[in-house]
Amino acid sequence: MEVAMVNNRVDAPAVAVMGIGIGTAGRTCAGCGNRIADRFLLFSMERYWHTRCLKCSCCHAQLGEYSSTCYSKGGMILCKNDYIRLFGHSGACSACGLSIPASEMVMRVQGNVYHLKCFTCATCRNRLVPGDHFHYVNGTIFCEHDRPGGHSGHPTSLQSNSMMSDQKVC
């Protein structure tokens, strides 16, 4: 039996491709629950999978073919692109740096993700909510009234789709 283990980080569990042999015969797929009798199977997140069953919860890409890593958060199995889209590059709030639970509502601006309580004006510290106008200058959030350098330019309107539950984005 040959095992190819790639990138074994906690936040990016490795996807190991295994050939059927001693120690793998009769395994049950974590995806469909059926016995795995295929020539190859995947081992990821301490479970065995048919190659066709380990899929991204959002885009449904087959992760064994797509990449050597997958991400798991909030009961979802994700490809790297969807993980970054949902949780940012680090899975942490861009303001406070703390982890964002998968079930928590968030605010998003230009690829950055924020806790609701952290999405505040840098000057007055007022929390911004959907419908509020704001300015995003060099990665810093300002309410409509506190933009540095005056009020030129058009503020961004915070649409309700900027506030999303990570459980419902796919």
Protein backbone atom coordinates (compact mmCIF):
# COMPACT_ATOMS: atom_id res chain seq x y z
CA MET A 1 0.00 0.00 0.00
CA GLU A 2 1.34 3.39 -0.96
CA VAL A 3 0.24 6.57 0.80
CA ALA A 4 0.93 10.06 -0.48
CA MET A 5 0.56 12.53 2.38
CA VAL A 6 0.71 16.19 1.37
CA ASN A 7 0.60 19.33 3.53
CA ASN A 8 -0.52 18.18 6.97
CA ARG A 9 -1.60 21.50 8.57
CA VAL A 10 -4.41 21.58 11.11
CA ASP A 11 -6.47 24.14 9.17
CA ALA A 12 -5.82 22.36 5.88
CA PRO A 13 -6.15 18.64 6.43
CA ALA A 14 -4.19 16.58 3.95
CA VAL A 15 -5.88 14.45 1.36
CA ALA A 16 -3.99 11.16 1.06
CA VAL A 17 -4.59 9.00 -1.99
CA MET A 18 -4.37 5.32 -1.09
CA GLY A 19 -4.49 2.15 -3.12
CA ILE A 20 -6.68 -0.68 -1.88
CA GLY A 21 -4.53 -3.13 0.04
CA ILE A 22 -3.79 -4.38 3.51
CA GLY A 23 -5.45 -2.13 6.07
CA THR A 24 -7.79 -0.42 3.60
CA ALA A 25 -10.04 -3.27 2.46
CA GLY A 26 -13.67 -3.04 3.56
CA ARG A 27 -13.53 0.63 4.60
CA THR A 28 -16.76 2.62 4.64
CA CYS A 29 -16.97 5.97 2.86
CA ALA A 30 -17.59 8.93 5.18
CA GLY A 31 -19.47 10.67 2.35
CA CYS A 32 -22.00 8.11 1.13
CA GLY A 33 -21.74 5.41 3.80
CA ASN A 34 -21.13 2.63 1.26
CA ARG A 35 -18.25 0.18 1.29
CA ILE A 36 -15.21 1.36 -0.68
CA ALA A 37 -14.24 -1.23 -3.30
CA ASP A 38 -12.66 1.19 -5.80
CA ARG A 39 -9.04 0.87 -6.84
CA PHE A 40 -8.20 4.11 -5.00
CA LEU A 41 -9.65 5.79 -1.93
CA LEU A 42 -8.98 9.02 -0.10
CA PHE A 43 -8.05 9.48 3.55
CA SER A 44 -8.75 12.93 4.97
CA MET A 45 -9.84 14.30 8.34
CA GLU A 46 -9.28 10.85 9.89
CA ARG A 47 -11.91 9.28 7.60
CA TYR A 48 -11.96 7.30 4.35
CA TRP A 49 -13.74 8.52 1.21
CA HIS A 50 -14.52 7.39 -2.32
CA THR A 51 -12.63 9.70 -4.69
CA ARG A 52 -16.00 10.93 -6.00
CA CYS A 53 -17.44 11.61 -2.50
CA LEU A 54 -14.88 14.00 -1.00
CA LYS A 55 -16.30 17.23 -2.42
CA CYS A 56 -16.32 20.90 -1.54
CA SER A 57 -19.57 21.77 0.23
CA CYS A 58 -19.89 24.93 -1.88
CA CYS A 59 -18.65 24.33 -5.41
CA HIS A 60 -18.84 20.50 -5.31
CA ALA A 61 -15.34 20.12 -6.80
CA GLN A 62 -13.93 16.65 -6.19
CA LEU A 63 -11.16 17.49 -3.74
CA GLY A 64 -8.98 14.45 -4.43
CA GLU A 65 -8.60 15.54 -8.04
CA TYR A 66 -8.71 19.28 -7.43
CA SER A 67 -6.08 19.67 -4.70
CA SER A 68 -3.97 17.93 -2.13
CA THR A 69 -5.60 19.86 0.72
CA CYS A 70 -9.09 20.53 1.94
CA TYR A 71 -10.43 22.72 4.69
CA SER A 72 -13.03 21.90 7.30
CA LYS A 73 -14.94 24.46 9.34
CA GLY A 74 -18.44 24.56 10.76
CA GLY A 75 -19.31 21.12 9.43
CA MET A 76 -18.38 22.11 5.88
CA ILE A 77 -15.63 20.58 3.77
CA LEU A 78 -14.17 23.25 1.51
CA CYS A 79 -11.67 23.73 -1.28
CA LYS A 80 -9.07 26.43 -0.71
CA ASN A 81 -10.86 29.01 -2.89
CA ASP A 82 -14.18 28.64 -1.05
CA TYR A 83 -12.47 28.63 2.37
CA ILE A 84 -10.77 31.94 1.56
CA ARG A 85 -13.99 33.36 0.08
CA LEU A 86 -15.94 32.47 3.23
CA PHE A 87 -13.42 33.00 6.00
CA GLY A 88 -10.71 35.23 4.50
CA HIS A 89 -7.11 34.17 4.15
CA SER A 90 -6.67 33.38 7.82
CA GLY A 91 -10.20 32.48 8.99
CA ALA A 92 -9.80 35.39 11.38
CA CYS A 93 -11.38 38.82 11.71
CA SER A 94 -9.45 41.47 9.77
CA ALA A 95 -9.88 43.94 12.67
CA CYS A 96 -9.22 41.98 15.86
CA GLY A 97 -7.43 38.92 14.48
CA LEU A 98 -9.58 36.46 16.44
CA SER A 99 -11.08 33.38 14.82
CA ILE A 100 -14.54 33.67 13.30
CA PRO A 101 -16.85 30.72 14.07
CA ALA A 102 -18.49 29.25 10.97
CA SER A 103 -22.01 29.98 12.25
CA GLU A 104 -21.33 33.65 13.05
CA MET A 105 -22.69 36.47 10.90
CA VAL A 106 -19.91 38.54 9.32
CA MET A 107 -19.31 41.72 7.34
CA ARG A 108 -17.17 41.56 4.19
CA VAL A 109 -15.32 44.28 2.31
CA GLN A 110 -12.89 43.72 -0.58
CA GLY A 111 -11.93 40.22 0.51
CA ASN A 112 -11.65 41.07 4.20
CA VAL A 113 -13.96 39.50 6.78
CA TYR A 114 -15.04 41.11 10.07
CA HIS A 115 -17.01 40.17 13.18
CA LEU A 116 -20.16 42.30 13.32
CA LYS A 117 -18.90 44.00 16.48
CA CYS A 118 -15.56 44.80 14.83
CA PHE A 119 -17.00 46.45 11.72
CA THR A 120 -16.70 49.97 13.10
CA CYS A 121 -15.55 53.41 12.01
CA ALA A 122 -11.84 53.88 12.79
CA THR A 123 -12.50 57.42 14.04
CA CYS A 124 -15.75 57.45 16.03
CA ARG A 125 -15.95 53.65 16.68
CA ASN A 126 -19.64 53.56 15.71
CA ARG A 127 -20.68 50.15 14.42
CA LEU A 128 -21.77 50.06 10.79
CA VAL A 129 -24.76 48.01 9.70
CA PRO A 130 -26.29 47.10 6.32
CA GLY A 131 -27.63 50.23 4.65
CA ASP A 132 -24.98 52.51 6.19
CA HIS A 133 -22.65 54.37 3.84
CA PHE A 134 -18.96 54.07 4.57
CA HIS A 135 -15.52 54.66 3.08
CA TYR A 136 -12.85 51.99 2.86
CA VAL A 137 -9.47 53.70 2.64
CA ASN A 138 -6.29 51.62 2.57
CA GLY A 139 -7.97 48.82 4.51
CA THR A 140 -9.49 51.15 7.11
CA ILE A 141 -13.24 51.65 7.60
CA PHE A 142 -14.69 55.12 8.07
CA CYS A 143 -18.32 56.11 8.49
CA GLU A 144 -19.77 58.58 6.01
CA HIS A 145 -18.97 61.54 8.28
CA ASP A 146 -15.42 60.67 9.36
CA ARG A 147 -13.58 60.04 6.10
CA PRO A 148 -10.07 61.54 6.30
CA GLY A 149 -9.41 64.36 3.85
CA GLY A 150 -12.98 65.58 3.52
CA HIS A 151 -16.06 64.17 1.93
CA SER A 152 -14.98 63.88 -1.69
CA GLY A 153 -15.61 60.64 -3.48
CA HIS A 154 -18.60 58.38 -3.23
CA PRO A 155 -19.14 56.32 -0.10
CA THR A 156 -19.81 52.65 -0.44
CA SER A 157 -23.33 51.59 0.47
CA LEU A 158 -23.30 48.60 2.77
CA GLN A 159 -25.69 46.20 1.09
CA SER A 160 -27.52 43.55 3.08
CA ASN A 161 -25.67 40.88 1.10
CA SER A 162 -22.43 42.10 2.66
CA MET A 163 -23.66 40.60 5.91
CA MET A 164 -23.85 36.87 5.54
CA SER A 165 -24.05 33.76 7.60
CA ASP A 166 -21.24 31.42 6.63
CA GLN A 167 -23.75 28.57 6.85
CA LYS A 168 -25.83 29.94 3.98
CA VAL A 169 -23.35 31.27 1.45
CA CYS A 170 -23.04 28.15 -0.71
